[in-house]
């Protein structure tokens, strides 16, 4: 099964949460914060506003940073994804 986003939606897959701090302290699962960095897995076709098509600014494989409370989390085939609107993506990490 594959997720195919509609409109200006983007499917993201989280990067692994940090296991320890920069100073070397190992974090328990309860203290790990979900990262706001993810990889783009699928991109919708874009949307039209006032008859003009708005192109998508991200593509599959891009590493991005998105808004902290954005999106809808889904789980498919033992993998977790988050579906966000293109407006919720803040930056592309190069």
N, C-alpha and C. Protein backbone atom coordinates (compact mmCIF):
# COMPACT_ATOMS: atom_id res chain seq x y z
N UNK A 1 0.84 -1.18 0.00
CA UNK A 1 0.00 0.00 0.00
C UNK A 1 0.88 1.24 0.00
N UNK A 2 0.45 2.26 -0.70
CA UNK A 2 1.25 3.47 -0.82
C UNK A 2 0.38 4.70 -0.54
N UNK A 3 0.95 5.68 0.13
CA UNK A 3 0.23 6.93 0.39
C UNK A 3 0.44 7.88 -0.78
N UNK A 4 -0.65 8.41 -1.32
CA UNK A 4 -0.57 9.39 -2.41
C UNK A 4 -1.32 10.63 -1.94
N UNK A 5 -0.58 11.69 -1.57
CA UNK A 5 -1.24 12.90 -1.05
C UNK A 5 -1.99 13.66 -2.14
N UNK A 6 -3.03 14.35 -1.72
CA UNK A 6 -3.84 15.16 -2.63
C UNK A 6 -3.50 16.63 -2.46
N UNK A 7 -3.78 17.42 -3.48
CA UNK A 7 -3.57 18.86 -3.41
C UNK A 7 -2.15 19.24 -3.09
N UNK A 8 -1.99 20.14 -2.13
CA UNK A 8 -0.64 20.60 -1.76
C UNK A 8 -0.14 19.90 -0.50
N UNK A 9 -0.55 18.67 -0.30
CA UNK A 9 -0.12 17.89 0.86
C UNK A 9 1.19 17.17 0.56
N UNK A 10 1.94 16.89 1.64
CA UNK A 10 3.23 16.22 1.55
C UNK A 10 3.29 15.14 2.62
N UNK A 11 3.76 13.95 2.26
CA UNK A 11 3.92 12.86 3.23
C UNK A 11 5.38 12.86 3.67
N UNK A 12 5.58 12.91 4.99
CA UNK A 12 6.93 12.96 5.57
C UNK A 12 7.16 11.73 6.44
N UNK A 13 8.43 11.33 6.51
CA UNK A 13 8.80 10.26 7.44
C UNK A 13 9.84 10.83 8.38
N UNK A 14 9.55 10.70 9.68
CA UNK A 14 10.43 11.25 10.71
C UNK A 14 11.82 10.66 10.64
N UNK A 15 12.79 11.48 11.01
CA UNK A 15 14.14 10.98 11.22
C UNK A 15 14.18 10.41 12.63
N UNK A 16 15.12 9.57 12.90
CA UNK A 16 15.24 8.93 14.20
C UNK A 16 15.51 9.99 15.28
N UNK A 17 14.82 9.88 16.40
CA UNK A 17 15.01 10.81 17.52
C UNK A 17 16.40 10.60 18.13
N UNK A 18 16.95 11.67 18.65
CA UNK A 18 18.27 11.59 19.27
C UNK A 18 18.26 10.66 20.47
N UNK A 19 19.25 9.78 20.52
CA UNK A 19 19.37 8.82 21.62
C UNK A 19 20.05 9.44 22.84
N UNK A 20 20.93 10.43 22.59
CA UNK A 20 21.61 11.08 23.70
C UNK A 20 21.87 12.55 23.37
N UNK A 21 22.14 13.32 24.42
CA UNK A 21 22.39 14.74 24.25
C UNK A 21 23.81 14.96 23.72
N UNK A 22 24.11 16.19 23.35
CA UNK A 22 25.44 16.52 22.84
C UNK A 22 26.51 16.27 23.90
N UNK A 23 26.14 16.38 25.17
CA UNK A 23 27.11 16.16 26.24
C UNK A 23 27.25 14.69 26.61
N UNK A 24 26.46 13.79 25.95
CA UNK A 24 26.62 12.36 26.15
C UNK A 24 25.62 11.71 27.08
N UNK A 25 24.64 12.45 27.55
CA UNK A 25 23.62 11.88 28.45
C UNK A 25 22.63 11.09 27.61
N UNK A 26 22.43 9.81 27.96
CA UNK A 26 21.49 8.96 27.23
C UNK A 26 20.07 9.28 27.67
N UNK A 27 19.20 9.52 26.70
CA UNK A 27 17.81 9.91 26.98
C UNK A 27 16.89 8.69 27.01
N UNK A 28 16.03 8.58 28.03
CA UNK A 28 15.03 7.51 28.03
C UNK A 28 13.95 7.85 27.01
N UNK A 29 13.17 6.85 26.58
CA UNK A 29 12.12 7.07 25.58
C UNK A 29 11.15 8.18 25.97
N UNK A 30 10.83 8.30 27.24
CA UNK A 30 9.87 9.31 27.69
C UNK A 30 10.41 10.73 27.56
N UNK A 31 11.72 10.91 27.49
CA UNK A 31 12.31 12.24 27.41
C UNK A 31 12.67 12.65 25.97
N UNK A 32 12.59 11.71 25.05
CA UNK A 32 12.94 12.02 23.67
C UNK A 32 11.85 12.89 23.05
N UNK A 33 12.28 13.97 22.44
CA UNK A 33 11.34 14.85 21.77
C UNK A 33 11.29 14.47 20.30
N UNK A 34 10.07 14.41 19.75
CA UNK A 34 9.93 14.06 18.35
C UNK A 34 10.59 15.14 17.50
N UNK A 35 11.49 14.77 16.61
CA UNK A 35 12.19 15.76 15.81
C UNK A 35 11.24 16.44 14.82
N UNK A 36 11.56 17.67 14.47
CA UNK A 36 10.78 18.40 13.47
C UNK A 36 11.44 18.27 12.11
N UNK A 37 12.40 17.39 12.00
CA UNK A 37 13.10 17.16 10.75
C UNK A 37 12.60 15.85 10.17
N UNK A 38 12.34 15.83 8.86
CA UNK A 38 11.80 14.63 8.23
C UNK A 38 12.25 14.58 6.77
N UNK A 39 12.02 13.42 6.16
CA UNK A 39 12.32 13.22 4.74
C UNK A 39 11.00 13.15 3.98
N UNK A 40 10.94 13.82 2.84
CA UNK A 40 9.74 13.81 2.01
C UNK A 40 9.63 12.46 1.32
N UNK A 41 8.50 11.78 1.53
CA UNK A 41 8.26 10.46 0.95
C UNK A 41 7.39 10.57 -0.31
N UNK A 42 6.41 11.47 -0.29
CA UNK A 42 5.51 11.65 -1.43
C UNK A 42 5.02 13.09 -1.45
N UNK A 43 4.74 13.59 -2.65
CA UNK A 43 4.31 14.98 -2.84
C UNK A 43 3.04 14.99 -3.68
N UNK A 44 2.07 15.78 -3.26
CA UNK A 44 0.84 15.93 -4.03
C UNK A 44 1.08 16.73 -5.30
N UNK A 45 0.07 16.81 -6.18
CA UNK A 45 0.22 17.50 -7.46
C UNK A 45 0.22 19.03 -7.38
N UNK A 46 -0.11 19.59 -6.24
CA UNK A 46 -0.23 21.05 -6.11
C UNK A 46 -1.70 21.42 -6.10
N UNK A 47 -1.97 22.71 -6.01
CA UNK A 47 -3.37 23.14 -6.00
C UNK A 47 -3.53 24.39 -6.84
N UNK A 48 -4.77 24.74 -7.09
CA UNK A 48 -5.07 25.95 -7.86
C UNK A 48 -5.70 26.99 -6.95
N UNK A 49 -5.23 28.23 -7.09
CA UNK A 49 -5.80 29.35 -6.35
C UNK A 49 -6.12 30.43 -7.38
N UNK A 50 -7.37 30.80 -7.45
CA UNK A 50 -7.86 31.81 -8.41
C UNK A 50 -7.46 31.45 -9.83
N UNK A 51 -7.53 30.16 -10.17
CA UNK A 51 -7.24 29.71 -11.52
C UNK A 51 -5.77 29.54 -11.85
N UNK A 52 -4.89 29.84 -10.90
CA UNK A 52 -3.45 29.70 -11.13
C UNK A 52 -2.94 28.49 -10.35
N UNK A 53 -2.17 27.64 -11.02
CA UNK A 53 -1.63 26.46 -10.35
C UNK A 53 -0.41 26.86 -9.51
N UNK A 54 -0.42 26.43 -8.26
CA UNK A 54 0.71 26.69 -7.37
C UNK A 54 1.58 25.43 -7.37
N UNK A 55 2.80 25.58 -7.82
CA UNK A 55 3.73 24.45 -7.92
C UNK A 55 4.25 24.06 -6.55
N UNK A 56 4.59 22.80 -6.41
CA UNK A 56 5.17 22.29 -5.16
C UNK A 56 6.64 22.68 -5.10
N UNK A 57 7.09 23.10 -3.93
CA UNK A 57 8.47 23.54 -3.76
C UNK A 57 9.39 22.45 -3.22
N UNK A 58 8.82 21.32 -2.84
CA UNK A 58 9.62 20.20 -2.34
C UNK A 58 9.45 19.02 -3.27
N UNK A 59 10.39 18.08 -3.19
CA UNK A 59 10.30 16.87 -3.99
C UNK A 59 10.66 15.67 -3.13
N UNK A 60 10.36 14.48 -3.60
CA UNK A 60 10.67 13.27 -2.85
C UNK A 60 12.17 13.21 -2.56
N UNK A 61 12.51 12.83 -1.35
CA UNK A 61 13.90 12.71 -0.95
C UNK A 61 14.46 13.95 -0.26
N UNK A 62 13.75 15.09 -0.35
CA UNK A 62 14.21 16.31 0.33
C UNK A 62 14.14 16.11 1.84
N UNK A 63 15.12 16.66 2.54
CA UNK A 63 15.10 16.66 4.01
C UNK A 63 14.56 18.03 4.41
N UNK A 64 13.50 18.05 5.22
CA UNK A 64 12.82 19.31 5.54
C UNK A 64 12.61 19.47 7.04
N UNK A 65 12.34 20.71 7.42
CA UNK A 65 11.93 21.04 8.79
C UNK A 65 10.51 21.59 8.68
N UNK A 66 9.63 21.10 9.55
CA UNK A 66 8.23 21.50 9.49
C UNK A 66 7.77 22.06 10.84
N UNK A 67 6.63 22.73 10.83
CA UNK A 67 6.07 23.33 12.04
C UNK A 67 5.82 22.27 13.11
N UNK A 68 6.04 22.65 14.35
CA UNK A 68 5.99 21.71 15.46
C UNK A 68 4.65 20.98 15.61
N UNK A 69 3.54 21.66 15.50
CA UNK A 69 2.24 21.03 15.74
C UNK A 69 1.45 20.81 14.45
N UNK A 70 2.14 20.70 13.34
CA UNK A 70 1.49 20.56 12.04
C UNK A 70 1.22 19.10 11.70
N UNK A 71 0.24 18.89 10.85
CA UNK A 71 0.05 17.60 10.23
C UNK A 71 -0.79 16.58 10.96
N UNK A 72 -0.97 15.47 10.26
CA UNK A 72 -1.72 14.34 10.76
C UNK A 72 -0.82 13.12 10.74
N UNK A 73 -0.68 12.47 11.87
CA UNK A 73 0.18 11.29 11.94
C UNK A 73 -0.61 10.06 11.53
N UNK A 74 0.01 9.22 10.69
CA UNK A 74 -0.61 7.97 10.26
C UNK A 74 0.42 6.85 10.37
N UNK A 75 -0.08 5.62 10.55
CA UNK A 75 0.81 4.46 10.63
C UNK A 75 0.36 3.46 9.59
N UNK A 76 1.27 3.08 8.70
CA UNK A 76 0.97 2.10 7.66
C UNK A 76 2.11 1.10 7.57
N UNK A 77 1.77 -0.16 7.56
CA UNK A 77 2.76 -1.22 7.42
C UNK A 77 3.93 -1.05 8.38
N UNK A 78 3.60 -0.82 9.65
CA UNK A 78 4.60 -0.68 10.73
C UNK A 78 5.51 0.55 10.60
N UNK A 79 5.20 1.47 9.72
CA UNK A 79 5.98 2.71 9.58
C UNK A 79 5.08 3.88 9.91
N UNK A 80 5.67 4.90 10.54
CA UNK A 80 4.91 6.09 10.91
C UNK A 80 5.23 7.24 9.96
N UNK A 81 4.18 7.93 9.54
CA UNK A 81 4.30 9.06 8.62
C UNK A 81 3.54 10.24 9.20
N UNK A 82 3.83 11.41 8.67
CA UNK A 82 3.04 12.59 9.00
C UNK A 82 2.69 13.28 7.69
N UNK A 83 1.43 13.65 7.54
CA UNK A 83 0.97 14.33 6.33
C UNK A 83 0.74 15.78 6.68
N UNK A 84 1.44 16.68 5.97
CA UNK A 84 1.36 18.11 6.23
C UNK A 84 1.03 18.85 4.94
N UNK A 85 0.52 20.06 5.08
CA UNK A 85 0.34 20.93 3.93
C UNK A 85 1.69 21.58 3.60
N UNK A 86 1.87 21.93 2.35
CA UNK A 86 3.14 22.55 1.95
C UNK A 86 3.45 23.80 2.78
N UNK A 87 2.43 24.53 3.19
CA UNK A 87 2.62 25.75 3.99
C UNK A 87 3.22 25.45 5.37
N UNK A 88 3.08 24.20 5.85
CA UNK A 88 3.63 23.84 7.15
C UNK A 88 5.12 23.49 7.11
N UNK A 89 5.67 23.38 5.90
CA UNK A 89 7.10 23.11 5.77
C UNK A 89 7.83 24.44 5.82
N UNK A 90 8.77 24.52 6.76
CA UNK A 90 9.47 25.78 7.02
C UNK A 90 10.72 25.93 6.16
N UNK A 91 11.47 24.83 5.99
CA UNK A 91 12.75 24.92 5.28
C UNK A 91 13.15 23.58 4.70
N UNK A 92 14.00 23.63 3.69
CA UNK A 92 14.64 22.44 3.12
C UNK A 92 16.07 22.44 3.66
N UNK A 93 16.49 21.30 4.21
CA UNK A 93 17.84 21.18 4.75
C UNK A 93 18.76 20.68 3.64
N UNK A 94 19.81 21.44 3.35
CA UNK A 94 20.75 21.04 2.29
C UNK A 94 22.06 20.60 2.86
